[in-house]
């Protein structure tokens, strides 16, 4: 019997490999800013993390903490990864929630209906709709 491998989460950096990976989360199909956002600016303001399995990066995520008048909100700015046979949302969301336990709220903006369904299974709730009109 082969022992199960344990993933580790380490601080990340915004190098070329990270930029290439995060580009998937910031492509036009997933953009939640109406084309006004910039991947570099979003990631520069965030803490970056790498999920490694056997020393290989299998996922990355970026968190940005925002102090509000009545508490702290942490945004999952971007999350990307690929681990065949594993649901990274189901696997990483509990870890990220624990990592952010001192905050008052954990938030993610998405255009992906499938991700909304996955997040709802993890106990998340839809809190708003965003309407946008180009000027």
C-alpha atoms as a PDB file:
ATOM      1  CA  UNK A   1       0.000   0.000   0.000  1.00  0.00           C
ATOM      2  CA  UNK A   2       1.379   3.415  -1.026  1.00  0.00           C
ATOM      3  CA  UNK A   3       0.988   6.157   1.603  1.00  0.00           C
ATOM      4  CA  UNK A   4      -1.188   9.114   0.632  1.00  0.00           C
ATOM      5  CA  UNK A   5       0.739  12.209  -0.309  1.00  0.00           C
ATOM      6  CA  UNK A   6       0.126  15.337   1.699  1.00  0.00           C
ATOM      7  CA  UNK A   7      -0.121  18.641  -0.097  1.00  0.00           C
ATOM      8  CA  UNK A   8       1.621  21.667   1.332  1.00  0.00           C
ATOM      9  CA  UNK A   9       0.653  25.317   1.006  1.00  0.00           C
ATOM     10  CA  UNK A  10       3.490  27.778   0.726  1.00  0.00           C
ATOM     11  CA  UNK A  11       3.752  31.502   0.035  1.00  0.00           C
ATOM     12  CA  UNK A  12       3.785  32.136  -3.693  1.00  0.00           C
ATOM     13  CA  UNK A  13       5.473  34.676  -5.881  1.00  0.00           C
ATOM     14  CA  UNK A  14       4.403  36.443  -9.039  1.00  0.00           C
ATOM     15  CA  UNK A  15       6.906  34.905 -11.422  1.00  0.00           C
ATOM     16  CA  UNK A  16       6.388  33.898 -15.048  1.00  0.00           C
ATOM     17  CA  UNK A  17       4.956  30.497 -14.121  1.00  0.00           C
ATOM     18  CA  UNK A  18       2.450  32.095 -11.746  1.00  0.00           C
ATOM     19  CA  UNK A  19       1.467  34.726 -14.316  1.00  0.00           C
ATOM     20  CA  UNK A  20       0.834  32.016 -16.914  1.00  0.00           C
ATOM     21  CA  UNK A  21      -1.271  29.990 -14.485  1.00  0.00           C
ATOM     22  CA  UNK A  22      -3.285  32.943 -13.161  1.00  0.00           C
ATOM     23  CA  UNK A  23      -3.960  34.147 -16.720  1.00  0.00           C
ATOM     24  CA  UNK A  24      -6.594  31.383 -16.917  1.00  0.00           C
ATOM     25  CA  UNK A  25      -8.469  32.920 -13.967  1.00  0.00           C
ATOM     26  CA  UNK A  26      -8.318  36.371 -15.514  1.00  0.00           C
ATOM     27  CA  UNK A  27      -9.282  35.556 -19.112  1.00  0.00           C
ATOM     28  CA  UNK A  28     -12.211  37.318 -20.821  1.00  0.00           C
ATOM     29  CA  UNK A  29     -14.656  34.479 -20.043  1.00  0.00           C
ATOM     30  CA  UNK A  30     -14.008  34.760 -16.306  1.00  0.00           C
ATOM     31  CA  UNK A  31     -13.474  38.527 -15.977  1.00  0.00           C
ATOM     32  CA  UNK A  32     -15.764  40.003 -13.306  1.00  0.00           C
ATOM     33  CA  UNK A  33     -14.668  43.611 -13.876  1.00  0.00           C
ATOM     34  CA  UNK A  34     -16.218  44.268 -17.272  1.00  0.00           C
ATOM     35  CA  UNK A  35     -12.774  44.574 -18.805  1.00  0.00           C
ATOM     36  CA  UNK A  36     -11.644  47.251 -16.355  1.00  0.00           C
ATOM     37  CA  UNK A  37      -9.538  44.976 -14.152  1.00  0.00           C
ATOM     38  CA  UNK A  38      -5.930  44.069 -14.594  1.00  0.00           C
ATOM     39  CA  UNK A  39      -4.418  40.778 -13.503  1.00  0.00           C
ATOM     40  CA  UNK A  40      -1.113  42.350 -12.487  1.00  0.00           C
ATOM     41  CA  UNK A  41      -2.800  44.984 -10.313  1.00  0.00           C
ATOM     42  CA  UNK A  42      -5.134  42.458  -8.698  1.00  0.00           C
ATOM     43  CA  UNK A  43      -2.336  40.050  -7.888  1.00  0.00           C
ATOM     44  CA  UNK A  44       0.058  42.777  -6.726  1.00  0.00           C
ATOM     45  CA  UNK A  45      -2.389  43.699  -3.957  1.00  0.00           C
ATOM     46  CA  UNK A  46      -2.921  40.063  -2.902  1.00  0.00           C
ATOM     47  CA  UNK A  47      -1.074  37.443  -0.902  1.00  0.00           C
ATOM     48  CA  UNK A  48      -0.141  34.578  -3.196  1.00  0.00           C
ATOM     49  CA  UNK A  49      -0.069  30.912  -2.251  1.00  0.00           C
ATOM     50  CA  UNK A  50       1.100  27.749  -3.995  1.00  0.00           C
ATOM     51  CA  UNK A  51      -0.282  24.297  -3.303  1.00  0.00           C
ATOM     52  CA  UNK A  52       2.397  21.666  -3.846  1.00  0.00           C
ATOM     53  CA  UNK A  53       2.125  17.914  -4.052  1.00  0.00           C
ATOM     54  CA  UNK A  54       5.411  15.990  -4.113  1.00  0.00           C
ATOM     55  CA  UNK A  55       7.170  19.312  -4.706  1.00  0.00           C
ATOM     56  CA  UNK A  56       5.110  20.157  -7.808  1.00  0.00           C
ATOM     57  CA  UNK A  57       2.754  23.154  -7.873  1.00  0.00           C
ATOM     58  CA  UNK A  58      -0.752  21.780  -8.518  1.00  0.00           C
ATOM     59  CA  UNK A  59      -2.745  24.910  -7.625  1.00  0.00           C
ATOM     60  CA  UNK A  60      -2.339  28.576  -6.812  1.00  0.00           C
ATOM     61  CA  UNK A  61      -4.596  31.059  -5.097  1.00  0.00           C
ATOM     62  CA  UNK A  62      -4.458  34.730  -4.228  1.00  0.00           C
ATOM     63  CA  UNK A  63      -6.138  36.392  -1.239  1.00  0.00           C
ATOM     64  CA  UNK A  64      -6.705  40.080  -0.613  1.00  0.00           C
ATOM     65  CA  UNK A  65      -7.714  41.309   2.824  1.00  0.00           C
ATOM     66  CA  UNK A  66      -9.893  44.418   3.011  1.00  0.00           C
ATOM     67  CA  UNK A  67     -10.609  46.190   6.300  1.00  0.00           C
ATOM     68  CA  UNK A  68     -14.218  47.424   6.397  1.00  0.00           C
ATOM     69  CA  UNK A  69     -15.896  49.629   9.025  1.00  0.00           C
ATOM     70  CA  UNK A  70     -17.540  46.601  10.641  1.00  0.00           C
ATOM     71  CA  UNK A  71     -15.044  43.844   9.984  1.00  0.00           C
ATOM     72  CA  UNK A  72     -12.485  42.248   7.709  1.00  0.00           C
ATOM     73  CA  UNK A  73     -13.365  40.754   4.350  1.00  0.00           C
ATOM     74  CA  UNK A  74     -10.968  38.468   2.486  1.00  0.00           C
ATOM     75  CA  UNK A  75     -11.402  38.114  -1.264  1.00  0.00           C
ATOM     76  CA  UNK A  76     -10.268  35.087  -3.193  1.00  0.00           C
ATOM     77  CA  UNK A  77      -8.844  37.171  -6.025  1.00  0.00           C
ATOM     78  CA  UNK A  78      -7.850  34.223  -8.166  1.00  0.00           C
ATOM     79  CA  UNK A  79      -7.552  30.475  -7.906  1.00  0.00           C
ATOM     80  CA  UNK A  80      -6.221  28.079 -10.508  1.00  0.00           C
ATOM     81  CA  UNK A  81      -5.022  24.540 -10.606  1.00  0.00           C
ATOM     82  CA  UNK A  82      -5.256  21.112 -12.062  1.00  0.00           C
ATOM     83  CA  UNK A  83      -5.045  17.851 -10.227  1.00  0.00           C
ATOM     84  CA  UNK A  84      -6.615  14.988 -12.190  1.00  0.00           C
ATOM     85  CA  UNK A  85      -9.083  13.040 -10.091  1.00  0.00           C
ATOM     86  CA  UNK A  86      -9.439  15.756  -7.451  1.00  0.00           C
ATOM     87  CA  UNK A  87     -12.024  18.501  -7.034  1.00  0.00           C
ATOM     88  CA  UNK A  88      -9.804  21.416  -6.053  1.00  0.00           C
ATOM     89  CA  UNK A  89     -12.763  23.527  -4.892  1.00  0.00           C
ATOM     90  CA  UNK A  90     -13.884  20.831  -2.460  1.00  0.00           C
ATOM     91  CA  UNK A  91     -10.285  20.185  -1.410  1.00  0.00           C
ATOM     92  CA  UNK A  92      -8.962  23.737  -1.031  1.00  0.00           C
ATOM     93  CA  UNK A  93     -12.010  25.701   0.121  1.00  0.00           C
ATOM     94  CA  UNK A  94     -11.999  24.282   3.673  1.00  0.00           C
ATOM     95  CA  UNK A  95      -8.283  25.017   3.980  1.00  0.00           C
ATOM     96  CA  UNK A  96      -8.708  28.596   2.718  1.00  0.00           C
ATOM     97  CA  UNK A  97     -11.682  29.115   5.056  1.00  0.00           C
ATOM     98  CA  UNK A  98      -9.562  27.900   7.988  1.00  0.00           C
ATOM     99  CA  UNK A  99      -6.652  30.068   6.861  1.00  0.00           C
ATOM    100  CA  UNK A 100      -8.985  33.105   6.892  1.00  0.00           C
ATOM    101  CA  UNK A 101     -10.827  32.168  10.099  1.00  0.00           C
ATOM    102  CA  UNK A 102      -9.869  35.428  11.832  1.00  0.00           C
ATOM    103  CA  UNK A 103     -11.680  37.429   9.117  1.00  0.00           C
ATOM    104  CA  UNK A 104     -15.389  38.169   9.242  1.00  0.00           C
ATOM    105  CA  UNK A 105     -16.199  37.259   5.655  1.00  0.00           C
ATOM    106  CA  UNK A 106     -14.680  35.319   2.764  1.00  0.00           C
ATOM    107  CA  UNK A 107     -15.776  36.475  -0.699  1.00  0.00           C
ATOM    108  CA  UNK A 108     -15.314  35.364  -4.281  1.00  0.00           C
ATOM    109  CA  UNK A 109     -16.622  37.004  -7.455  1.00  0.00           C
ATOM    110  CA  UNK A 110     -17.303  34.649 -10.341  1.00  0.00           C
ATOM    111  CA  UNK A 111     -19.135  34.396 -13.631  1.00  0.00           C
ATOM    112  CA  UNK A 112     -18.987  30.598 -13.590  1.00  0.00           C
ATOM    113  CA  UNK A 113     -22.356  29.045 -12.715  1.00  0.00           C
ATOM    114  CA  UNK A 114     -20.706  25.692 -12.068  1.00  0.00           C
ATOM    115  CA  UNK A 115     -18.419  27.296  -9.519  1.00  0.00           C
ATOM    116  CA  UNK A 116     -21.431  28.896  -7.824  1.00  0.00           C
ATOM    117  CA  UNK A 117     -23.023  25.461  -7.461  1.00  0.00           C
ATOM    118  CA  UNK A 118     -19.792  23.974  -6.099  1.00  0.00           C
ATOM    119  CA  UNK A 119     -19.391  26.824  -3.624  1.00  0.00           C
ATOM    120  CA  UNK A 120     -23.001  26.488  -2.447  1.00  0.00           C
ATOM    121  CA  UNK A 121     -22.287  22.821  -1.653  1.00  0.00           C
ATOM    122  CA  UNK A 122     -19.455  24.112   0.557  1.00  0.00           C
ATOM    123  CA  UNK A 123     -21.883  26.331   2.514  1.00  0.00           C
ATOM    124  CA  UNK A 124     -21.487  29.567   0.536  1.00  0.00           C
ATOM    125  CA  UNK A 125     -24.504  31.702  -0.296  1.00  0.00           C
ATOM    126  CA  UNK A 126     -25.220  34.009  -3.193  1.00  0.00           C
ATOM    127  CA  UNK A 127     -25.125  37.532  -1.749  1.00  0.00           C
ATOM    128  CA  UNK A 128     -25.704  39.787  -4.762  1.00  0.00           C
ATOM    129  CA  UNK A 129     -25.997  40.207  -8.482  1.00  0.00           C
ATOM    130  CA  UNK A 130     -23.769  42.689 -10.271  1.00  0.00           C
ATOM    131  CA  UNK A 131     -25.242  44.673 -13.119  1.00  0.00           C
ATOM    132  CA  UNK A 132     -22.949  46.645 -15.410  1.00  0.00           C
ATOM    133  CA  UNK A 133     -23.585  49.074 -18.248  1.00  0.00           C
ATOM    134  CA  UNK A 134     -20.751  50.112 -20.540  1.00  0.00           C
ATOM    135  CA  UNK A 135     -20.491  53.878 -20.993  1.00  0.00           C
END
